[in-house]
C-alpha cells in the first residue's frame, strides 16, 4: 500500500519531473506540482507526470485573489482533474467558497500559515500571533467556507484535529526525516511524528528528490512509516 506522502516534484525541467514521478510512485500516494513548475510547463507537466502512474495529483498553486478571479482559475485547472488544489485561507470566506464551487470534484485545501514563517514574522504580515492561534482562526474560517482539507505545520495537527473534527484532511509540509536539513522550513517534524499527531498526508520534497536515488529514498521513508504504524497499533 502506498504511503500517505505527497512528493513535492520541484524539478528544474519536465524530463526530470517525469523521472522523479516514475521512480517514487510505487511507494507514495500523491505527487505535488508547485507554482514554479506549473507556470513553466502548464498542463503538459500534469499529463507527463501522471502518465501511466496510478497516483493522485496535488496542484499546489496557493490561489489568492478576488473571488471571481479565483473562481475562474479553479475552473480552468479543474479540467486537469487534480485531487487537491490549494488556496490561501487568508483570502477569506468568499474566495474559498468560490474555489470550492468552481472545482466540485477537487478537494480544496486551504493553506493556513506558511511553514516557512517564524513566529516573529507573523505581525509583519498582519497576522495576530502566536502562530497556533492564527492557524486555528484561519482553519475554522476555511472549513466553514467549504474547504475539505487544510495545510498546516506538523506542530498544529493535533490541535486542528480537535478543532475541525475527523472529516477534514490535514496536510503537513515541513516534514523532514531525522537528521535531514530543515531547508527553508521553520516549523518541522519527522514523518513519524507528523503521522502520530494525526496528519493525513505528508508533503516531503528535497529529502526524497535530492537523494541519489529518489525512488529508494521514498521507499525508505514509506517503510519507516509502516513500521511506526505497526508499532503503535
C-alpha atoms as a PDB file:
ATOM      1  CA  UNK A   1       0.000   0.000   0.000  1.00  0.00           C
ATOM      2  CA  UNK A   2       1.357   3.430  -0.977  1.00  0.00           C
ATOM      3  CA  UNK A   3       2.407   5.643   1.917  1.00  0.00           C
ATOM      4  CA  UNK A   4       0.407   8.840   2.627  1.00  0.00           C
ATOM      5  CA  UNK A   5       3.158  11.014   1.192  1.00  0.00           C
ATOM      6  CA  UNK A   6       2.876  13.791  -1.395  1.00  0.00           C
ATOM      7  CA  UNK A   7       6.266  14.131  -3.043  1.00  0.00           C
ATOM      8  CA  UNK A   8       6.949  17.748  -3.973  1.00  0.00           C
ATOM      9  CA  UNK A   9       8.180  17.497  -7.568  1.00  0.00           C
ATOM     10  CA  UNK A  10      10.065  20.792  -7.666  1.00  0.00           C
ATOM     11  CA  UNK A  11      12.113  19.738 -10.680  1.00  0.00           C
ATOM     12  CA  UNK A  12      14.239  22.019 -12.882  1.00  0.00           C
ATOM     13  CA  UNK A  13      12.659  20.658 -16.085  1.00  0.00           C
ATOM     14  CA  UNK A  14       9.844  18.445 -17.298  1.00  0.00           C
ATOM     15  CA  UNK A  15      12.117  15.479 -18.060  1.00  0.00           C
ATOM     16  CA  UNK A  16      13.419  15.387 -14.500  1.00  0.00           C
ATOM     17  CA  UNK A  17       9.870  15.770 -13.182  1.00  0.00           C
ATOM     18  CA  UNK A  18       8.813  12.716 -15.174  1.00  0.00           C
ATOM     19  CA  UNK A  19      11.803  10.691 -13.933  1.00  0.00           C
ATOM     20  CA  UNK A  20      11.162  11.571 -10.298  1.00  0.00           C
ATOM     21  CA  UNK A  21       7.445  10.850 -10.656  1.00  0.00           C
ATOM     22  CA  UNK A  22       8.097   7.440 -12.190  1.00  0.00           C
ATOM     23  CA  UNK A  23      10.632   6.475  -9.518  1.00  0.00           C
ATOM     24  CA  UNK A  24       8.554   7.423  -6.461  1.00  0.00           C
ATOM     25  CA  UNK A  25       5.024   6.441  -7.488  1.00  0.00           C
ATOM     26  CA  UNK A  26       5.359   2.772  -6.492  1.00  0.00           C
ATOM     27  CA  UNK A  27       5.858   3.940  -2.898  1.00  0.00           C
ATOM     28  CA  UNK A  28       3.728   7.075  -2.355  1.00  0.00           C
ATOM     29  CA  UNK A  29       0.092   8.042  -2.812  1.00  0.00           C
ATOM     30  CA  UNK A  30       0.466  11.523  -4.283  1.00  0.00           C
ATOM     31  CA  UNK A  31       2.597  13.777  -6.488  1.00  0.00           C
ATOM     32  CA  UNK A  32       2.618  17.508  -5.781  1.00  0.00           C
ATOM     33  CA  UNK A  33       3.144  20.074  -8.536  1.00  0.00           C
ATOM     34  CA  UNK A  34       4.011  23.548  -7.323  1.00  0.00           C
ATOM     35  CA  UNK A  35       3.627  27.007  -8.778  1.00  0.00           C
ATOM     36  CA  UNK A  36       7.038  27.272 -10.460  1.00  0.00           C
ATOM     37  CA  UNK A  37       6.813  24.013 -12.399  1.00  0.00           C
ATOM     38  CA  UNK A  38       3.194  24.631 -13.395  1.00  0.00           C
ATOM     39  CA  UNK A  39       3.915  28.148 -14.639  1.00  0.00           C
ATOM     40  CA  UNK A  40       6.859  26.884 -16.674  1.00  0.00           C
ATOM     41  CA  UNK A  41       5.082  23.992 -18.417  1.00  0.00           C
ATOM     42  CA  UNK A  42       1.362  24.327 -17.718  1.00  0.00           C
ATOM     43  CA  UNK A  43      -0.996  21.370 -18.149  1.00  0.00           C
ATOM     44  CA  UNK A  44       1.692  19.458 -20.069  1.00  0.00           C
ATOM     45  CA  UNK A  45       3.596  18.729 -16.874  1.00  0.00           C
ATOM     46  CA  UNK A  46       0.490  17.238 -15.261  1.00  0.00           C
ATOM     47  CA  UNK A  47      -0.071  14.879 -18.179  1.00  0.00           C
ATOM     48  CA  UNK A  48       3.609  13.955 -18.341  1.00  0.00           C
ATOM     49  CA  UNK A  49       3.893  13.167 -14.644  1.00  0.00           C
ATOM     50  CA  UNK A  50       0.597  11.344 -14.481  1.00  0.00           C
ATOM     51  CA  UNK A  51       1.405   9.148 -17.485  1.00  0.00           C
ATOM     52  CA  UNK A  52       0.511   5.560 -16.694  1.00  0.00           C
ATOM     53  CA  UNK A  53       1.007   6.095 -12.963  1.00  0.00           C
ATOM     54  CA  UNK A  54      -1.999   5.458 -10.758  1.00  0.00           C
ATOM     55  CA  UNK A  55      -1.323   8.287  -8.369  1.00  0.00           C
ATOM     56  CA  UNK A  56      -3.171  11.334  -7.083  1.00  0.00           C
ATOM     57  CA  UNK A  57      -2.142  14.793  -8.282  1.00  0.00           C
ATOM     58  CA  UNK A  58      -1.879  17.669  -5.830  1.00  0.00           C
ATOM     59  CA  UNK A  59      -1.825  21.032  -7.612  1.00  0.00           C
ATOM     60  CA  UNK A  60      -0.243  23.439  -5.151  1.00  0.00           C
ATOM     61  CA  UNK A  61      -0.939  26.857  -6.699  1.00  0.00           C
ATOM     62  CA  UNK A  62      -1.981  28.620  -3.476  1.00  0.00           C
ATOM     63  CA  UNK A  63      -4.569  30.765  -5.256  1.00  0.00           C
ATOM     64  CA  UNK A  64      -5.130  34.132  -3.589  1.00  0.00           C
ATOM     65  CA  UNK A  65      -7.143  36.834  -5.376  1.00  0.00           C
ATOM     66  CA  UNK A  66     -10.615  38.281  -5.534  1.00  0.00           C
ATOM     67  CA  UNK A  67     -13.355  35.600  -5.535  1.00  0.00           C
ATOM     68  CA  UNK A  68     -14.225  35.988  -9.230  1.00  0.00           C
ATOM     69  CA  UNK A  69     -10.614  35.551 -10.313  1.00  0.00           C
ATOM     70  CA  UNK A  70     -10.070  32.539  -8.056  1.00  0.00           C
ATOM     71  CA  UNK A  71     -13.302  31.010  -9.348  1.00  0.00           C
ATOM     72  CA  UNK A  72     -12.065  31.338 -12.914  1.00  0.00           C
ATOM     73  CA  UNK A  73      -8.642  29.940 -12.075  1.00  0.00           C
ATOM     74  CA  UNK A  74     -10.105  26.986 -10.167  1.00  0.00           C
ATOM     75  CA  UNK A  75     -12.482  26.268 -13.043  1.00  0.00           C
ATOM     76  CA  UNK A  76      -9.588  26.366 -15.522  1.00  0.00           C
ATOM     77  CA  UNK A  77      -7.456  23.838 -13.660  1.00  0.00           C
ATOM     78  CA  UNK A  78     -10.360  21.607 -12.598  1.00  0.00           C
ATOM     79  CA  UNK A  79     -10.358  20.093 -16.102  1.00  0.00           C
ATOM     80  CA  UNK A  80      -6.943  18.602 -15.261  1.00  0.00           C
ATOM     81  CA  UNK A  81      -8.677  16.592 -12.529  1.00  0.00           C
ATOM     82  CA  UNK A  82      -6.301  17.287  -9.636  1.00  0.00           C
ATOM     83  CA  UNK A  83      -7.257  15.501  -6.445  1.00  0.00           C
ATOM     84  CA  UNK A  84      -6.232  18.558  -4.406  1.00  0.00           C
ATOM     85  CA  UNK A  85      -5.928  22.265  -5.198  1.00  0.00           C
ATOM     86  CA  UNK A  86      -4.603  24.818  -2.709  1.00  0.00           C
ATOM     87  CA  UNK A  87      -5.822  28.314  -1.931  1.00  0.00           C
ATOM     88  CA  UNK A  88      -4.696  30.724   0.795  1.00  0.00           C
ATOM     89  CA  UNK A  89      -7.122  30.760   3.726  1.00  0.00           C
ATOM     90  CA  UNK A  90      -6.220  34.411   4.265  1.00  0.00           C
ATOM     91  CA  UNK A  91      -8.073  35.188   1.023  1.00  0.00           C
ATOM     92  CA  UNK A  92     -11.261  34.985   3.050  1.00  0.00           C
ATOM     93  CA  UNK A  93     -14.532  33.124   3.204  1.00  0.00           C
ATOM     94  CA  UNK A  94     -15.959  34.257  -0.158  1.00  0.00           C
ATOM     95  CA  UNK A  95     -12.750  33.448  -2.031  1.00  0.00           C
ATOM     96  CA  UNK A  96     -12.538  29.948  -0.562  1.00  0.00           C
ATOM     97  CA  UNK A  97     -16.186  29.288  -1.353  1.00  0.00           C
ATOM     98  CA  UNK A  98     -15.630  30.460  -4.927  1.00  0.00           C
ATOM     99  CA  UNK A  99     -12.884  27.871  -5.381  1.00  0.00           C
ATOM    100  CA  UNK A 100     -14.991  25.108  -3.815  1.00  0.00           C
ATOM    101  CA  UNK A 101     -17.963  25.872  -6.052  1.00  0.00           C
ATOM    102  CA  UNK A 102     -15.837  26.115  -9.204  1.00  0.00           C
ATOM    103  CA  UNK A 103     -13.992  22.815  -8.745  1.00  0.00           C
ATOM    104  CA  UNK A 104     -16.604  20.474  -7.238  1.00  0.00           C
ATOM    105  CA  UNK A 105     -14.675  17.275  -7.996  1.00  0.00           C
ATOM    106  CA  UNK A 106     -11.436  18.545  -6.436  1.00  0.00           C
ATOM    107  CA  UNK A 107     -10.663  18.859  -2.738  1.00  0.00           C
ATOM    108  CA  UNK A 108      -9.887  22.483  -1.964  1.00  0.00           C
ATOM    109  CA  UNK A 109      -7.088  22.673   0.593  1.00  0.00           C
ATOM    110  CA  UNK A 110      -6.717  25.948   2.464  1.00  0.00           C
ATOM    111  CA  UNK A 111      -3.195  26.992   3.433  1.00  0.00           C
ATOM    112  CA  UNK A 112      -3.260  28.451   6.931  1.00  0.00           C
ATOM    113  CA  UNK A 113       0.165  29.880   7.877  1.00  0.00           C
ATOM    114  CA  UNK A 114       3.160  29.054   5.702  1.00  0.00           C
ATOM    115  CA  UNK A 115       5.540  26.676   7.470  1.00  0.00           C
ATOM    116  CA  UNK A 116       8.433  28.916   6.393  1.00  0.00           C
ATOM    117  CA  UNK A 117       7.123  31.760   8.604  1.00  0.00           C
ATOM    118  CA  UNK A 118       8.714  32.007  12.060  1.00  0.00           C
ATOM    119  CA  UNK A 119       6.731  33.483  14.944  1.00  0.00           C
ATOM    120  CA  UNK A 120       8.365  36.903  14.712  1.00  0.00           C
ATOM    121  CA  UNK A 121       7.264  37.312  11.092  1.00  0.00           C
ATOM    122  CA  UNK A 122       3.538  36.952  11.746  1.00  0.00           C
ATOM    123  CA  UNK A 123       2.977  40.529  12.849  1.00  0.00           C
ATOM    124  CA  UNK A 124       4.902  41.826   9.832  1.00  0.00           C
ATOM    125  CA  UNK A 125       2.344  40.199   7.517  1.00  0.00           C
ATOM    126  CA  UNK A 126      -0.629  41.349   9.571  1.00  0.00           C
ATOM    127  CA  UNK A 127      -1.443  38.147  11.472  1.00  0.00           C
ATOM    128  CA  UNK A 128      -2.094  38.211  15.187  1.00  0.00           C
ATOM    129  CA  UNK A 129       0.017  35.525  16.803  1.00  0.00           C
ATOM    130  CA  UNK A 130       1.054  33.199  18.156  1.00  0.00           C
ATOM    131  CA  UNK A 131       1.049  31.049  15.034  1.00  0.00           C
ATOM    132  CA  UNK A 132      -1.137  28.389  16.659  1.00  0.00           C
ATOM    133  CA  UNK A 133      -3.905  30.949  17.212  1.00  0.00           C
ATOM    134  CA  UNK A 134      -3.606  32.348  13.684  1.00  0.00           C
ATOM    135  CA  UNK A 135      -3.737  28.838  12.229  1.00  0.00           C
ATOM    136  CA  UNK A 136      -6.810  27.947  14.277  1.00  0.00           C
ATOM    137  CA  UNK A 137      -8.709  31.071  13.198  1.00  0.00           C
ATOM    138  CA  UNK A 138      -7.897  30.577   9.518  1.00  0.00           C
ATOM    139  CA  UNK A 139      -8.638  26.855   9.650  1.00  0.00           C
ATOM    140  CA  UNK A 140     -12.060  27.359  11.190  1.00  0.00           C
ATOM    141  CA  UNK A 141     -12.948  30.024   8.615  1.00  0.00           C
ATOM    142  CA  UNK A 142     -11.787  27.804   5.730  1.00  0.00           C
ATOM    143  CA  UNK A 143     -13.743  24.747   6.831  1.00  0.00           C
ATOM    144  CA  UNK A 144     -16.870  26.833   7.348  1.00  0.00           C
ATOM    145  CA  UNK A 145     -16.404  28.095   3.768  1.00  0.00           C
ATOM    146  CA  UNK A 146     -16.306  24.541   2.410  1.00  0.00           C
ATOM    147  CA  UNK A 147     -12.617  23.610   2.289  1.00  0.00           C
ATOM    148  CA  UNK A 148     -12.190  19.852   2.544  1.00  0.00           C
ATOM    149  CA  UNK A 149      -8.544  19.984   3.573  1.00  0.00           C
ATOM    150  CA  UNK A 150      -6.150  22.199   5.497  1.00  0.00           C
ATOM    151  CA  UNK A 151      -2.426  22.735   5.052  1.00  0.00           C
ATOM    152  CA  UNK A 152      -0.671  23.318   8.361  1.00  0.00           C
ATOM    153  CA  UNK A 153       2.602  22.581  10.103  1.00  0.00           C
ATOM    154  CA  UNK A 154       3.013  19.261  11.936  1.00  0.00           C
ATOM    155  CA  UNK A 155       3.044  21.240  15.199  1.00  0.00           C
ATOM    156  CA  UNK A 156      -0.588  22.292  14.685  1.00  0.00           C
ATOM    157  CA  UNK A 157      -2.055  18.987  13.536  1.00  0.00           C
ATOM    158  CA  UNK A 158      -3.273  17.683  16.899  1.00  0.00           C
ATOM    159  CA  UNK A 159      -4.972  20.940  17.909  1.00  0.00           C
ATOM    160  CA  UNK A 160      -6.575  21.364  14.480  1.00  0.00           C
ATOM    161  CA  UNK A 161      -7.881  17.812  14.511  1.00  0.00           C
ATOM    162  CA  UNK A 162      -9.616  18.601  17.784  1.00  0.00           C
ATOM    163  CA  UNK A 163     -10.914  21.855  16.305  1.00  0.00           C
ATOM    164  CA  UNK A 164     -12.268  20.675  12.917  1.00  0.00           C
ATOM    165  CA  UNK A 165     -13.063  17.010  13.554  1.00  0.00           C
ATOM    166  CA  UNK A 166     -12.199  13.790  11.724  1.00  0.00           C
ATOM    167  CA  UNK A 167     -13.599  14.527   8.264  1.00  0.00           C
ATOM    168  CA  UNK A 168     -11.186  17.280   7.192  1.00  0.00           C
ATOM    169  CA  UNK A 169      -7.958  16.138   5.534  1.00  0.00           C
ATOM    170  CA  UNK A 170      -4.876  17.566   7.262  1.00  0.00           C
ATOM    171  CA  UNK A 171      -1.855  18.047   5.002  1.00  0.00           C
ATOM    172  CA  UNK A 172       1.512  18.795   6.552  1.00  0.00           C
ATOM    173  CA  UNK A 173       4.523  20.275   4.818  1.00  0.00           C
ATOM    174  CA  UNK A 174       7.607  20.921   6.933  1.00  0.00           C
ATOM    175  CA  UNK A 175       8.198  17.168   7.237  1.00  0.00           C
ATOM    176  CA  UNK A 176      11.834  16.116   7.446  1.00  0.00           C
ATOM    177  CA  UNK A 177      13.279  12.675   8.245  1.00  0.00           C
ATOM    178  CA  UNK A 178      15.505  12.666  11.328  1.00  0.00           C
ATOM    179  CA  UNK A 179      18.847  14.287  10.534  1.00  0.00           C
ATOM    180  CA  UNK A 180      17.669  15.920   7.276  1.00  0.00           C
ATOM    181  CA  UNK A 181      18.361  19.593   6.504  1.00  0.00           C
ATOM    182  CA  UNK A 182      15.466  21.848   7.576  1.00  0.00           C
ATOM    183  CA  UNK A 183      15.927  23.956   4.417  1.00  0.00           C
ATOM    184  CA  UNK A 184      13.600  26.982   4.458  1.00  0.00           C
ATOM    185  CA  UNK A 185      11.110  25.400   6.853  1.00  0.00           C
ATOM    186  CA  UNK A 186      10.748  26.887  10.331  1.00  0.00           C
ATOM    187  CA  UNK A 187       8.198  24.514  11.940  1.00  0.00           C
ATOM    188  CA  UNK A 188       9.166  20.924  11.177  1.00  0.00           C
ATOM    189  CA  UNK A 189       8.699  17.339  12.400  1.00  0.00           C
ATOM    190  CA  UNK A 190       9.720  13.857  11.316  1.00  0.00           C
ATOM    191  CA  UNK A 191       7.281  11.829   9.176  1.00  0.00           C
ATOM    192  CA  UNK A 192       6.573   9.505  12.096  1.00  0.00           C
ATOM    193  CA  UNK A 193       5.823  12.436  14.419  1.00  0.00           C
ATOM    194  CA  UNK A 194       3.506  14.118  11.898  1.00  0.00           C
ATOM    195  CA  UNK A 195       1.550  10.927  11.278  1.00  0.00           C
ATOM    196  CA  UNK A 196       1.274  10.168  15.001  1.00  0.00           C
ATOM    197  CA  UNK A 197      -0.081  13.680  15.596  1.00  0.00           C
ATOM    198  CA  UNK A 198      -2.948  12.984  13.190  1.00  0.00           C
ATOM    199  CA  UNK A 199      -1.790  14.168   9.753  1.00  0.00           C
ATOM    200  CA  UNK A 200      -3.426  12.502   6.743  1.00  0.00           C
ATOM    201  CA  UNK A 201      -0.909  13.455   4.039  1.00  0.00           C
ATOM    202  CA  UNK A 202       2.767  14.354   4.479  1.00  0.00           C
ATOM    203  CA  UNK A 203       4.425  16.688   1.986  1.00  0.00           C
ATOM    204  CA  UNK A 204       8.076  15.722   1.501  1.00  0.00           C
ATOM    205  CA  UNK A 205      10.290  17.175  -1.206  1.00  0.00           C
ATOM    206  CA  UNK A 206      14.046  17.605  -1.034  1.00  0.00           C
ATOM    207  CA  UNK A 207      14.782  14.672   1.320  1.00  0.00           C
ATOM    208  CA  UNK A 208      13.442  12.491  -1.494  1.00  0.00           C
ATOM    209  CA  UNK A 209      14.161  14.383  -4.711  1.00  0.00           C
ATOM    210  CA  UNK A 210      17.684  15.467  -3.728  1.00  0.00           C
ATOM    211  CA  UNK A 211      18.656  11.887  -2.940  1.00  0.00           C
ATOM    212  CA  UNK A 212      20.915   9.986  -5.311  1.00  0.00           C
ATOM    213  CA  UNK A 213      18.031   7.546  -5.827  1.00  0.00           C
ATOM    214  CA  UNK A 214      14.669   9.273  -5.195  1.00  0.00           C
ATOM    215  CA  UNK A 215      12.772   6.000  -5.506  1.00  0.00           C
ATOM    216  CA  UNK A 216      14.889   4.355  -2.823  1.00  0.00           C
ATOM    217  CA  UNK A 217      14.543   7.402  -0.568  1.00  0.00           C
ATOM    218  CA  UNK A 218      10.754   7.316  -0.942  1.00  0.00           C
ATOM    219  CA  UNK A 219      10.697   3.582  -0.264  1.00  0.00           C
ATOM    220  CA  UNK A 220      12.802   4.034   2.878  1.00  0.00           C
ATOM    221  CA  UNK A 221      10.527   6.720   4.329  1.00  0.00           C
ATOM    222  CA  UNK A 222       7.428   4.692   3.420  1.00  0.00           C
ATOM    223  CA  UNK A 223       8.879   1.638   5.182  1.00  0.00           C
ATOM    224  CA  UNK A 224       9.671   3.690   8.285  1.00  0.00           C
ATOM    225  CA  UNK A 225       6.070   4.911   8.387  1.00  0.00           C
ATOM    226  CA  UNK A 226       4.752   1.357   8.101  1.00  0.00           C
ATOM    227  CA  UNK A 227       6.995   0.271  10.978  1.00  0.00           C
ATOM    228  CA  UNK A 228       5.817   3.185  13.095  1.00  0.00           C
ATOM    229  CA  UNK A 229       2.171   2.375  12.379  1.00  0.00           C
ATOM    230  CA  UNK A 230       2.716  -1.292  13.212  1.00  0.00           C
ATOM    231  CA  UNK A 231       4.393  -0.365  16.499  1.00  0.00           C
ATOM    232  CA  UNK A 232       1.564   1.961  17.527  1.00  0.00           C
ATOM    233  CA  UNK A 233      -1.197  -0.457  16.518  1.00  0.00           C
END
